[in-house]
Amino acid sequence: MKPYFFAIIAFYLLSCISNDLISQTIPKPTQPKTLPESSVIRDAVEEGDFNINIGAGVPSILYRGKNLTQKIPALSGSFEYMINDGMGIGVYLGYVSANDPSSNTYRIMVGGPRLTYRFFVNQKFDVYASLVGLVMYADAKNNKGVTIPDGQLYDYSFASYLGGRYLLTENFGLYAELGWGVALLNAGATLRF
C-alpha cells in the first residue's frame, strides 16, 4: 500500500509544479485593442456616401461622322448617393461643343438619372458599371450667333460606362470611365462626402 500512496503524492506534487510552471510561461489572454473612431479604415464607397465626379472626355461620340472640330473636350459631371455598399443612384450631366468649317457652332447638353453598380471595392479603389438615361438638347448657331432654322433638337438616349475610382485621400480621388455617352473616355476628379 505504501508504494501506491507515495506514487499518488508524487503525481500530485508533479502536477502542481507543472501547472505552476505552465502558468508562468504562457501569457494570459488580453483584450484586443480598439481603434479610435477616426482611425477606422473605410472602403472607397459605403452606404450613405455622396460622390461627385467632375471631368472631361475625348473624343466626343455625339459628333461622330461629321466634319466638326471640338472647341473644348466634352465636359461631364455626376452626383451619386450610395443606397448600399454596391449600388448608387444619382444624376449625370454632360456638355460638348464643336464648330464646322463655316464657323457654325453646335452644342449638345445631356442629363439624366444614373444607376451605378460596384463590382469591386477596397479601401482605395472601386470598379463600377453605370447606366444613364439621357435627355438630350442640341442646337446650332451660325457664325453670327443666330440659331439656324431647324437647328434645335430634343431627343432621348442611353449611355453606359465601365469605370474606376482611386482615392488619394479619404475624400478626394481620381476617376476614369470608358463607355458610350458624351465621350468615349472620361477622366477627372472625384469627391466623397
N, C-alpha and C. Protein backbone atom coordinates (compact mmCIF):
# COMPACT_ATOMS: atom_id res chain seq x y z
N MET A 1 0.82 -1.18 0.00
CA MET A 1 0.00 0.00 0.00
C MET A 1 0.87 1.25 0.00
N LYS A 2 2.03 1.20 0.71
CA LYS A 2 2.89 2.37 0.76
C LYS A 2 3.36 2.82 -0.61
N PRO A 3 3.76 1.90 -1.55
CA PRO A 3 4.20 2.39 -2.84
C PRO A 3 3.12 3.15 -3.58
N TYR A 4 1.84 2.73 -3.46
CA TYR A 4 0.76 3.45 -4.15
C TYR A 4 0.53 4.81 -3.53
N PHE A 5 0.63 4.88 -2.21
CA PHE A 5 0.44 6.15 -1.51
C PHE A 5 1.50 7.16 -1.94
N PHE A 6 2.78 6.73 -1.98
CA PHE A 6 3.86 7.63 -2.39
C PHE A 6 3.74 8.02 -3.88
N ALA A 7 3.28 7.11 -4.68
CA ALA A 7 3.09 7.40 -6.11
C ALA A 7 2.00 8.45 -6.30
N ILE A 8 0.91 8.35 -5.55
CA ILE A 8 -0.18 9.33 -5.66
C ILE A 8 0.29 10.70 -5.20
N ILE A 9 1.04 10.76 -4.09
CA ILE A 9 1.55 12.04 -3.58
C ILE A 9 2.55 12.62 -4.57
N ALA A 10 3.44 11.80 -5.13
CA ALA A 10 4.42 12.29 -6.12
C ALA A 10 3.72 12.82 -7.37
N PHE A 11 2.71 12.09 -7.84
CA PHE A 11 1.94 12.55 -9.01
C PHE A 11 1.25 13.90 -8.72
N TYR A 12 0.69 14.04 -7.53
CA TYR A 12 0.02 15.28 -7.15
C TYR A 12 1.02 16.44 -7.10
N LEU A 13 2.17 16.25 -6.50
CA LEU A 13 3.19 17.30 -6.40
C LEU A 13 3.71 17.69 -7.79
N LEU A 14 3.96 16.69 -8.64
CA LEU A 14 4.43 17.00 -10.00
C LEU A 14 3.38 17.78 -10.80
N SER A 15 2.12 17.42 -10.66
CA SER A 15 1.08 18.16 -11.39
C SER A 15 0.96 19.58 -10.88
N CYS A 16 1.12 19.81 -9.58
CA CYS A 16 1.07 21.18 -9.04
C CYS A 16 2.24 22.00 -9.54
N ILE A 17 3.42 21.41 -9.54
CA ILE A 17 4.62 22.12 -10.00
C ILE A 17 4.50 22.42 -11.50
N SER A 18 4.06 21.44 -12.29
CA SER A 18 3.96 21.67 -13.74
C SER A 18 2.89 22.71 -14.05
N ASN A 19 1.76 22.72 -13.35
CA ASN A 19 0.75 23.75 -13.57
C ASN A 19 1.29 25.12 -13.22
N ASP A 20 2.07 25.19 -12.17
CA ASP A 20 2.66 26.46 -11.77
C ASP A 20 3.65 26.96 -12.82
N LEU A 21 4.46 26.06 -13.37
CA LEU A 21 5.42 26.44 -14.41
C LEU A 21 4.72 26.86 -15.70
N ILE A 22 3.68 26.15 -16.07
CA ILE A 22 2.94 26.49 -17.30
C ILE A 22 2.27 27.84 -17.17
N SER A 23 1.70 28.14 -16.03
CA SER A 23 1.01 29.42 -15.87
C SER A 23 2.00 30.58 -15.90
N GLN A 24 3.26 30.33 -15.54
CA GLN A 24 4.25 31.40 -15.59
C GLN A 24 4.79 31.63 -16.99
N THR A 25 4.84 30.61 -17.84
CA THR A 25 5.42 30.75 -19.17
C THR A 25 4.41 31.15 -20.24
N ILE A 26 3.14 30.86 -20.07
CA ILE A 26 2.13 31.20 -21.07
C ILE A 26 1.47 32.51 -20.66
N PRO A 27 1.54 33.54 -21.51
CA PRO A 27 0.91 34.82 -21.14
C PRO A 27 -0.60 34.68 -21.11
N LYS A 28 -1.20 35.45 -20.22
CA LYS A 28 -2.65 35.45 -20.11
C LYS A 28 -3.24 36.22 -21.29
N PRO A 29 -4.40 35.78 -21.80
CA PRO A 29 -5.01 36.49 -22.93
C PRO A 29 -5.42 37.90 -22.51
N THR A 30 -5.22 38.83 -23.44
CA THR A 30 -5.61 40.23 -23.18
C THR A 30 -6.70 40.63 -24.16
N GLN A 31 -7.39 41.67 -23.83
CA GLN A 31 -8.44 42.19 -24.70
C GLN A 31 -7.80 42.84 -25.92
N PRO A 32 -8.36 42.63 -27.13
CA PRO A 32 -7.79 43.30 -28.31
C PRO A 32 -7.99 44.81 -28.18
N LYS A 33 -7.01 45.53 -28.70
CA LYS A 33 -7.09 46.98 -28.66
C LYS A 33 -8.10 47.46 -29.70
N THR A 34 -8.90 48.42 -29.33
CA THR A 34 -9.85 49.00 -30.28
C THR A 34 -9.29 50.31 -30.78
N LEU A 35 -9.48 50.55 -32.07
CA LEU A 35 -9.00 51.78 -32.68
C LEU A 35 -9.99 52.90 -32.42
N PRO A 36 -9.50 54.11 -32.25
CA PRO A 36 -10.44 55.23 -32.15
C PRO A 36 -11.25 55.35 -33.43
N GLU A 37 -12.43 55.92 -33.35
CA GLU A 37 -13.35 56.02 -34.49
C GLU A 37 -12.70 56.69 -35.69
N SER A 38 -11.84 57.69 -35.47
CA SER A 38 -11.24 58.42 -36.59
C SER A 38 -10.21 57.61 -37.35
N SER A 39 -9.66 56.53 -36.76
CA SER A 39 -8.63 55.77 -37.46
C SER A 39 -9.16 54.47 -38.07
N VAL A 40 -10.46 54.26 -38.08
CA VAL A 40 -11.03 53.07 -38.70
C VAL A 40 -10.90 53.19 -40.22
N ILE A 41 -10.41 52.13 -40.86
CA ILE A 41 -10.21 52.15 -42.32
C ILE A 41 -11.55 51.91 -43.00
N ARG A 42 -11.91 52.78 -43.94
CA ARG A 42 -13.16 52.68 -44.68
C ARG A 42 -12.89 52.15 -46.07
N ASP A 43 -13.94 51.58 -46.67
CA ASP A 43 -13.87 51.22 -48.08
C ASP A 43 -13.99 52.49 -48.92
N ALA A 44 -13.65 52.39 -50.20
CA ALA A 44 -13.72 53.54 -51.10
C ALA A 44 -15.14 54.07 -51.22
N VAL A 45 -16.13 53.20 -51.13
CA VAL A 45 -17.54 53.62 -51.11
C VAL A 45 -18.28 52.78 -50.08
N GLU A 46 -19.21 53.41 -49.41
CA GLU A 46 -20.04 52.72 -48.42
C GLU A 46 -21.44 53.30 -48.48
N GLU A 47 -22.38 52.56 -47.93
CA GLU A 47 -23.76 53.01 -47.88
C GLU A 47 -23.85 54.38 -47.21
N GLY A 48 -24.61 55.28 -47.85
CA GLY A 48 -24.79 56.62 -47.31
C GLY A 48 -23.81 57.66 -47.83
N ASP A 49 -22.78 57.25 -48.58
CA ASP A 49 -21.81 58.20 -49.13
C ASP A 49 -22.42 59.00 -50.27
N PHE A 50 -21.94 60.23 -50.44
CA PHE A 50 -22.25 61.06 -51.60
C PHE A 50 -20.97 61.18 -52.41
N ASN A 51 -21.04 60.92 -53.72
CA ASN A 51 -19.89 61.01 -54.60
C ASN A 51 -20.17 62.03 -55.70
N ILE A 52 -19.19 62.87 -55.97
CA ILE A 52 -19.30 63.85 -57.06
C ILE A 52 -18.11 63.64 -57.99
N ASN A 53 -18.39 63.46 -59.29
CA ASN A 53 -17.35 63.33 -60.31
C ASN A 53 -17.42 64.55 -61.22
N ILE A 54 -16.27 65.16 -61.49
CA ILE A 54 -16.18 66.28 -62.43
C ILE A 54 -15.02 65.99 -63.36
N GLY A 55 -15.30 65.97 -64.68
CA GLY A 55 -14.22 65.61 -65.59
C GLY A 55 -14.42 66.07 -67.01
N ALA A 56 -13.50 65.65 -67.85
CA ALA A 56 -13.52 65.96 -69.28
C ALA A 56 -13.26 64.68 -70.05
N GLY A 57 -13.71 64.66 -71.30
CA GLY A 57 -13.56 63.44 -72.08
C GLY A 57 -13.24 63.69 -73.54
N VAL A 58 -12.65 62.70 -74.16
CA VAL A 58 -12.32 62.72 -75.59
C VAL A 58 -12.49 61.31 -76.14
N PRO A 59 -12.68 61.10 -77.37
CA PRO A 59 -13.32 62.01 -78.31
C PRO A 59 -14.83 62.01 -78.06
N SER A 60 -15.48 63.07 -78.51
CA SER A 60 -16.92 63.13 -78.34
C SER A 60 -17.59 62.15 -79.30
N ILE A 61 -18.42 61.32 -78.74
CA ILE A 61 -19.15 60.34 -79.55
C ILE A 61 -20.36 61.00 -80.22
N LEU A 62 -20.84 62.08 -79.65
CA LEU A 62 -22.05 62.71 -80.15
C LEU A 62 -21.87 63.36 -81.52
N TYR A 63 -20.63 63.70 -81.87
CA TYR A 63 -20.38 64.34 -83.17
C TYR A 63 -19.68 63.40 -84.15
N ARG A 64 -19.73 62.13 -83.91
CA ARG A 64 -19.02 61.19 -84.77
C ARG A 64 -19.57 61.23 -86.21
N GLY A 65 -18.69 61.10 -87.15
CA GLY A 65 -19.09 61.03 -88.55
C GLY A 65 -19.41 62.37 -89.18
N LYS A 66 -19.22 63.46 -88.46
CA LYS A 66 -19.49 64.79 -89.02
C LYS A 66 -18.17 65.53 -89.16
N ASN A 67 -18.12 66.51 -90.04
CA ASN A 67 -16.92 67.29 -90.27
C ASN A 67 -16.86 68.44 -89.26
N LEU A 68 -16.74 68.10 -87.98
CA LEU A 68 -16.75 69.10 -86.91
C LEU A 68 -15.49 68.99 -86.08
N THR A 69 -15.05 70.12 -85.54
CA THR A 69 -13.91 70.12 -84.62
C THR A 69 -14.39 70.65 -83.27
N GLN A 70 -14.01 69.95 -82.23
CA GLN A 70 -14.41 70.35 -80.89
C GLN A 70 -13.63 71.57 -80.44
N LYS A 71 -14.33 72.51 -79.79
CA LYS A 71 -13.68 73.68 -79.21
C LYS A 71 -12.98 73.30 -77.91
N ILE A 72 -13.66 72.54 -77.10
CA ILE A 72 -13.14 72.09 -75.81
C ILE A 72 -13.48 70.61 -75.67
N PRO A 73 -12.78 69.89 -74.79
CA PRO A 73 -13.17 68.49 -74.56
C PRO A 73 -14.59 68.41 -74.01
N ALA A 74 -15.21 67.29 -74.19
CA ALA A 74 -16.55 67.09 -73.63
C ALA A 74 -16.45 67.18 -72.11
N LEU A 75 -17.35 67.93 -71.48
CA LEU A 75 -17.37 68.10 -70.03
C LEU A 75 -18.48 67.25 -69.44
N SER A 76 -18.22 66.65 -68.30
CA SER A 76 -19.24 65.83 -67.66
C SER A 76 -19.13 65.93 -66.15
N GLY A 77 -20.23 65.67 -65.50
CA GLY A 77 -20.27 65.65 -64.05
C GLY A 77 -21.38 64.74 -63.59
N SER A 78 -21.21 64.18 -62.42
CA SER A 78 -22.26 63.33 -61.88
C SER A 78 -22.28 63.46 -60.36
N PHE A 79 -23.45 63.25 -59.82
CA PHE A 79 -23.68 63.22 -58.38
C PHE A 79 -24.31 61.88 -58.06
N GLU A 80 -23.86 61.23 -57.01
CA GLU A 80 -24.33 59.88 -56.71
C GLU A 80 -24.51 59.70 -55.20
N TYR A 81 -25.58 59.03 -54.82
CA TYR A 81 -25.83 58.65 -53.43
C TYR A 81 -25.78 57.13 -53.36
N MET A 82 -25.00 56.59 -52.42
CA MET A 82 -24.86 55.14 -52.29
C MET A 82 -26.02 54.60 -51.44
N ILE A 83 -26.94 53.85 -52.08
CA ILE A 83 -28.08 53.30 -51.34
C ILE A 83 -27.69 52.04 -50.57
N ASN A 84 -26.60 51.39 -50.95
CA ASN A 84 -25.98 50.32 -50.17
C ASN A 84 -24.51 50.27 -50.60
N ASP A 85 -23.76 49.30 -50.09
CA ASP A 85 -22.32 49.26 -50.38
C ASP A 85 -21.97 49.02 -51.84
N GLY A 86 -22.91 48.51 -52.64
CA GLY A 86 -22.60 48.21 -54.03
C GLY A 86 -23.41 48.96 -55.06
N MET A 87 -24.46 49.66 -54.66
CA MET A 87 -25.38 50.29 -55.61
C MET A 87 -25.53 51.78 -55.30
N GLY A 88 -25.44 52.60 -56.35
CA GLY A 88 -25.63 54.03 -56.21
C GLY A 88 -26.62 54.57 -57.23
N ILE A 89 -27.33 55.63 -56.85
CA ILE A 89 -28.25 56.32 -57.76
C ILE A 89 -27.86 57.78 -57.77
N GLY A 90 -28.11 58.44 -58.90
CA GLY A 90 -27.75 59.84 -58.98
C GLY A 90 -28.16 60.48 -60.27
N VAL A 91 -27.44 61.55 -60.61
CA VAL A 91 -27.73 62.38 -61.78
C VAL A 91 -26.44 62.58 -62.57
N TYR A 92 -26.56 62.57 -63.89
CA TYR A 92 -25.43 62.78 -64.80
C TYR A 92 -25.71 63.99 -65.67
N LEU A 93 -24.69 64.83 -65.90
CA LEU A 93 -24.79 65.99 -66.80
C LEU A 93 -23.58 65.99 -67.72
N GLY A 94 -23.81 66.40 -68.98
CA GLY A 94 -22.71 66.48 -69.93
C GLY A 94 -22.90 67.62 -70.91
N TYR A 95 -21.78 68.13 -71.44
CA TYR A 95 -21.82 69.23 -72.40
C TYR A 95 -20.68 69.05 -73.40
N VAL A 96 -20.99 69.29 -74.67
CA VAL A 96 -19.96 69.26 -75.70
C VAL A 96 -20.31 70.31 -76.75
N SER A 97 -19.28 70.93 -77.32
CA SER A 97 -19.47 71.97 -78.33
C SER A 97 -18.45 71.76 -79.45
N ALA A 98 -18.87 72.11 -80.67
CA ALA A 98 -17.98 71.93 -81.83
C ALA A 98 -18.31 72.95 -82.90
N ASN A 99 -17.38 73.14 -83.83
CA ASN A 99 -17.56 74.04 -84.97
C ASN A 99 -17.41 73.27 -86.27
N ASP A 100 -18.13 73.75 -87.30
CA ASP A 100 -17.93 73.18 -88.63
C ASP A 100 -17.01 74.10 -89.43
N PRO A 101 -16.62 73.75 -90.65
CA PRO A 101 -15.70 74.60 -91.43
C PRO A 101 -16.25 76.00 -91.71
N SER A 102 -17.57 76.19 -91.65
CA SER A 102 -18.15 77.52 -91.88
C SER A 102 -18.28 78.33 -90.59
N SER A 103 -17.68 77.85 -89.51
CA SER A 103 -17.72 78.51 -88.19
C SER A 103 -19.09 78.50 -87.54
N ASN A 104 -19.97 77.61 -87.98
CA ASN A 104 -21.22 77.41 -87.25
C ASN A 104 -20.91 76.63 -85.98
N THR A 105 -21.62 76.94 -84.91
CA THR A 105 -21.39 76.30 -83.62
C THR A 105 -22.51 75.32 -83.31
N TYR A 106 -22.13 74.14 -82.86
CA TYR A 106 -23.08 73.10 -82.48
C TYR A 106 -22.84 72.75 -81.01
N ARG A 107 -23.91 72.71 -80.23
CA ARG A 107 -23.81 72.36 -78.80
C ARG A 107 -24.77 71.23 -78.49
N ILE A 108 -24.33 70.36 -77.63
CA ILE A 108 -25.20 69.31 -77.12
C ILE A 108 -25.08 69.29 -75.60
N MET A 109 -26.23 69.33 -74.95
CA MET A 109 -26.29 69.22 -73.50
C MET A 109 -27.12 67.98 -73.17
N VAL A 110 -26.62 67.17 -72.24
CA VAL A 110 -27.33 65.95 -71.86
C VAL A 110 -27.44 65.89 -70.34
N GLY A 111 -28.44 65.19 -69.89
CA GLY A 111 -28.61 64.99 -68.45
C GLY A 111 -29.61 63.89 -68.21
N GLY A 112 -29.53 63.30 -67.04
CA GLY A 112 -30.49 62.26 -66.70
C GLY A 112 -30.09 61.44 -65.50
N PRO A 113 -30.96 60.52 -65.13
CA PRO A 113 -30.67 59.66 -63.97
C PRO A 113 -29.57 58.66 -64.27
N ARG A 114 -28.79 58.35 -63.23
CA ARG A 114 -27.66 57.43 -63.36
C ARG A 114 -27.76 56.35 -62.29
N LEU A 115 -27.60 55.10 -62.71
CA LEU A 115 -27.60 53.95 -61.81
C LEU A 115 -26.23 53.30 -61.90
N THR A 116 -25.58 53.07 -60.76
CA THR A 116 -24.22 52.53 -60.74
C THR A 116 -24.15 51.28 -59.87
N TYR A 117 -23.47 50.25 -60.39
CA TYR A 117 -23.25 49.03 -59.62
C TYR A 117 -21.75 48.81 -59.47
N ARG A 118 -21.29 48.58 -58.25
CA ARG A 118 -19.88 48.37 -57.96
C ARG A 118 -19.55 46.88 -57.99
N PHE A 119 -18.55 46.49 -58.80
CA PHE A 119 -18.10 45.10 -58.90
C PHE A 119 -17.03 44.77 -57.87
N PHE A 120 -16.17 45.74 -57.59
CA PHE A 120 -15.03 45.53 -56.71
C PHE A 120 -14.82 46.79 -55.88
N VAL A 121 -14.61 46.61 -54.58
CA VAL A 121 -14.38 47.76 -53.69
C VAL A 121 -13.34 47.36 -52.65
N ASN A 122 -12.33 48.21 -52.44
CA ASN A 122 -11.46 48.08 -51.28
C ASN A 122 -11.26 49.47 -50.68
N GLN A 123 -10.25 49.67 -49.84
CA GLN A 123 -10.10 50.95 -49.15
C GLN A 123 -9.78 52.11 -50.09
N LYS A 124 -9.10 51.89 -51.19
CA LYS A 124 -8.65 52.97 -52.07
C LYS A 124 -9.27 52.93 -53.47
N PHE A 125 -9.80 51.80 -53.89
CA PHE A 125 -10.15 51.63 -55.30
C PHE A 125 -11.51 50.95 -55.43
N ASP A 126 -12.28 51.38 -56.43
CA ASP A 126 -13.52 50.66 -56.75
C ASP A 126 -13.72 50.63 -58.26
N VAL A 127 -14.34 49.55 -58.74
CA VAL A 127 -14.63 49.36 -60.16
C VAL A 127 -16.14 49.25 -60.30
N TYR A 128 -16.71 49.94 -61.29
CA TYR A 128 -18.17 50.00 -61.41
C TYR A 128 -18.63 50.04 -62.85
N ALA A 129 -19.91 49.78 -63.03
CA ALA A 129 -20.59 49.94 -64.31
C ALA A 129 -21.78 50.85 -64.07
N SER A 130 -22.05 51.75 -65.03
CA SER A 130 -23.16 52.70 -64.90
C SER A 130 -24.04 52.67 -66.12
N LEU A 131 -25.32 52.90 -65.88
CA LEU A 131 -26.30 53.06 -66.95
C LEU A 131 -26.99 54.40 -66.72
N VAL A 132 -27.07 55.22 -67.78
CA VAL A 132 -27.62 56.56 -67.68
C VAL A 132 -28.74 56.71 -68.71
N GLY A 133 -29.88 57.21 -68.27
CA GLY A 133 -30.96 57.57 -69.17
C GLY A 133 -30.81 59.04 -69.53
N LEU A 134 -30.56 59.36 -70.79
CA LEU A 134 -30.23 60.72 -71.19
C LEU A 134 -31.40 61.44 -71.85
N VAL A 135 -31.55 62.70 -71.49
CA VAL A 135 -32.38 63.63 -72.22
C VAL A 135 -31.39 64.57 -72.91
N MET A 136 -31.49 64.68 -74.23
CA MET A 136 -30.53 65.48 -74.99
C MET A 136 -31.17 66.72 -75.56
N TYR A 137 -30.42 67.83 -75.49
CA TYR A 137 -30.82 69.06 -76.16
C TYR A 137 -29.65 69.48 -77.03
N ALA A 138 -29.92 69.73 -78.30
CA ALA A 138 -28.87 70.16 -79.23
C ALA A 138 -29.35 71.40 -79.96
N ASP A 139 -28.41 72.30 -80.19
CA ASP A 139 -28.74 73.45 -81.03
C ASP A 139 -27.55 73.81 -81.90
N ALA A 140 -27.85 74.58 -82.94
CA ALA A 140 -26.82 75.02 -83.89
C ALA A 140 -27.02 76.51 -84.15
N LYS A 141 -25.91 77.24 -84.11
CA LYS A 141 -25.95 78.68 -84.39
C LYS A 141 -24.94 78.99 -85.47
N ASN A 142 -25.30 79.97 -86.32
CA ASN A 142 -24.36 80.36 -87.37
C ASN A 142 -23.25 81.21 -86.77
N ASN A 143 -22.33 81.65 -87.63
CA ASN A 143 -21.17 82.39 -87.14
C ASN A 143 -21.52 83.77 -86.58
N LYS A 144 -22.78 84.21 -86.74
CA LYS A 144 -23.23 85.48 -86.16
C LYS A 144 -23.99 85.26 -84.85
N GLY A 145 -24.10 83.99 -84.40
CA GLY A 145 -24.79 83.68 -83.15
C GLY A 145 -26.28 83.49 -83.28
N VAL A 146 -26.80 83.46 -84.52
CA VAL A 146 -28.24 83.28 -84.74
C VAL A 146 -28.53 81.80 -84.88
N THR A 147 -29.59 81.34 -84.22
CA THR A 147 -29.96 79.92 -84.29
C THR A 147 -30.34 79.56 -85.72
N ILE A 148 -29.76 78.50 -86.21
CA ILE A 148 -30.03 78.02 -87.56
C ILE A 148 -31.44 77.42 -87.58
N PRO A 149 -32.24 77.73 -88.63
CA PRO A 149 -33.58 77.13 -88.69
C PRO A 149 -33.49 75.61 -88.61
N ASP A 150 -34.38 75.02 -87.87
CA ASP A 150 -34.38 73.58 -87.61
C ASP A 150 -33.08 73.13 -86.95
N GLY A 151 -32.43 74.05 -86.25
CA GLY A 151 -31.15 73.72 -85.61
C GLY A 151 -31.30 73.25 -84.18
N GLN A 152 -32.52 73.11 -83.69
CA GLN A 152 -32.72 72.63 -82.33
C GLN A 152 -33.29 71.21 -82.36
N LEU A 153 -32.86 70.43 -81.40
CA LEU A 153 -33.27 69.03 -81.35
C LEU A 153 -33.39 68.59 -79.90
N TYR A 154 -34.45 67.88 -79.61
CA TYR A 154 -34.63 67.22 -78.31
C TYR A 154 -34.70 65.73 -78.58
N ASP A 155 -34.02 64.96 -77.77
CA ASP A 155 -34.01 63.52 -78.02
C ASP A 155 -33.77 62.79 -76.70
N TYR A 156 -34.01 61.49 -76.73
CA TYR A 156 -33.77 60.62 -75.58
C TYR A 156 -32.80 59.53 -75.99
N SER A 157 -31.96 59.15 -75.06
CA SER A 157 -30.97 58.12 -75.37
C SER A 157 -30.50 57.47 -74.07
N PHE A 158 -29.58 56.52 -74.20
CA PHE A 158 -28.96 55.87 -73.05
C PHE A 158 -27.45 55.96 -73.19
N ALA A 159 -26.78 55.93 -72.06
CA ALA A 159 -25.32 55.87 -72.04
C ALA A 159 -24.94 54.78 -71.05
N SER A 160 -23.78 54.18 -71.27
CA SER A 160 -23.27 53.18 -70.33
C SER A 160 -21.77 53.36 -70.17
N TYR A 161 -21.29 53.09 -68.97
CA TYR A 161 -19.88 53.28 -68.66
C TYR A 161 -19.34 52.11 -67.85
N LEU A 162 -18.06 51.85 -68.00
CA LEU A 162 -17.30 50.99 -67.12
C LEU A 162 -16.19 51.87 -66.59
N GLY A 163 -16.09 51.99 -65.26
CA GLY A 163 -15.14 52.94 -64.71
C GLY A 163 -14.49 52.48 -63.43
N GLY A 164 -13.57 53.30 -62.97
CA GLY A 164 -12.88 53.04 -61.72
C GLY A 164 -12.49 54.34 -61.05
N ARG A 165 -12.43 54.29 -59.71
CA ARG A 165 -12.01 55.45 -58.92
C ARG A 165 -10.87 55.03 -58.01
N TYR A 166 -9.90 55.92 -57.84
CA TYR A 166 -8.80 55.70 -56.91
C TYR A 166 -8.75 56.89 -55.96
N LEU A 167 -8.89 56.62 -54.66
CA LEU A 167 -8.88 57.69 -53.66
C LEU A 167 -7.45 58.01 -53.24
N LEU A 168 -7.07 59.28 -53.36
CA LEU A 168 -5.75 59.74 -52.92
C LEU A 168 -5.79 60.08 -51.43
N THR A 169 -6.92 60.60 -50.96
CA THR A 169 -7.16 60.85 -49.54
C THR A 169 -8.51 60.23 -49.22
N GLU A 170 -8.99 60.42 -48.00
CA GLU A 170 -10.27 59.82 -47.63
C GLU A 170 -11.43 60.40 -48.43
N ASN A 171 -11.32 61.67 -48.88
CA ASN A 171 -12.43 62.32 -49.56
C ASN A 171 -12.13 62.82 -50.97
N PHE A 172 -10.94 62.61 -51.48
CA PHE A 172 -10.58 63.12 -52.81
C PHE A 172 -9.83 62.04 -53.59
N GLY A 173 -10.18 61.93 -54.90
CA GLY A 173 -9.50 60.95 -55.73
C GLY A 173 -9.63 61.28 -57.21
N LEU A 174 -9.27 60.32 -58.02
CA LEU A 174 -9.32 60.44 -59.47
C LEU A 174 -10.21 59.33 -60.02
N TYR A 175 -10.85 59.61 -61.15
CA TYR A 175 -11.69 58.58 -61.77
C TYR A 175 -11.44 58.55 -63.27
N ALA A 176 -11.77 57.43 -63.88
CA ALA A 176 -11.73 57.29 -65.34
C ALA A 176 -12.88 56.36 -65.73
N GLU A 177 -13.54 56.70 -66.85
CA GLU A 177 -14.66 55.91 -67.34
C GLU A 177 -14.52 55.71 -68.84
N LEU A 178 -14.78 54.51 -69.28
CA LEU A 178 -14.79 54.17 -70.70
C LEU A 178 -16.21 53.76 -71.04
N GLY A 179 -16.78 54.37 -72.09
CA GLY A 179 -18.15 53.98 -72.41
C GLY A 179 -18.78 54.80 -73.50
N TRP A 180 -20.06 54.65 -73.59
CA TRP A 180 -20.86 55.24 -74.65
C TRP A 180 -21.72 56.34 -74.04
N GLY A 181 -21.30 57.58 -74.17
CA GLY A 181 -22.03 58.72 -73.61
C GLY A 181 -21.56 59.98 -74.28
N VAL A 182 -21.26 60.99 -73.52
CA VAL A 182 -20.82 62.26 -74.08
C VAL A 182 -19.44 62.14 -74.72
N ALA A 183 -18.61 61.23 -74.19
CA ALA A 183 -17.28 60.98 -74.76
C ALA A 183 -16.92 59.51 -74.54
N LEU A 184 -15.98 59.04 -75.32
CA LEU A 184 -15.57 57.65 -75.21
C LEU A 184 -14.76 57.40 -73.93
N LEU A 185 -13.89 58.34 -73.58
CA LEU A 185 -13.07 58.23 -72.37
C LEU A 185 -13.23 59.50 -71.55
N ASN A 186 -13.72 59.36 -70.33
CA ASN A 186 -13.87 60.49 -69.40
C ASN A 186 -12.91 60.28 -68.24
N ALA A 187 -12.31 61.36 -67.76
CA ALA A 187 -11.43 61.29 -66.59
C ALA A 187 -11.50 62.60 -65.84
N GLY A 188 -11.25 62.53 -64.53
CA GLY A 188 -11.28 63.75 -63.76
C GLY A 188 -11.15 63.49 -62.28
N ALA A 189 -11.68 64.43 -61.48
CA ALA A 189 -11.58 64.38 -60.04
C ALA A 189 -12.87 63.85 -59.44
N THR A 190 -12.77 63.21 -58.30
CA THR A 190 -13.93 62.71 -57.58
C THR A 190 -13.85 63.13 -56.12
N LEU A 191 -14.99 63.50 -55.57
CA LEU A 191 -15.09 63.89 -54.18
C LEU A 191 -16.08 62.98 -53.47
N ARG A 192 -15.77 62.63 -52.22
CA ARG A 192 -16.66 61.77 -51.44
C ARG A 192 -17.02 62.47 -50.13
N PHE A 193 -18.31 62.46 -49.81
CA PHE A 193 -18.78 63.10 -48.57
C PHE A 193 -19.55 62.09 -47.74
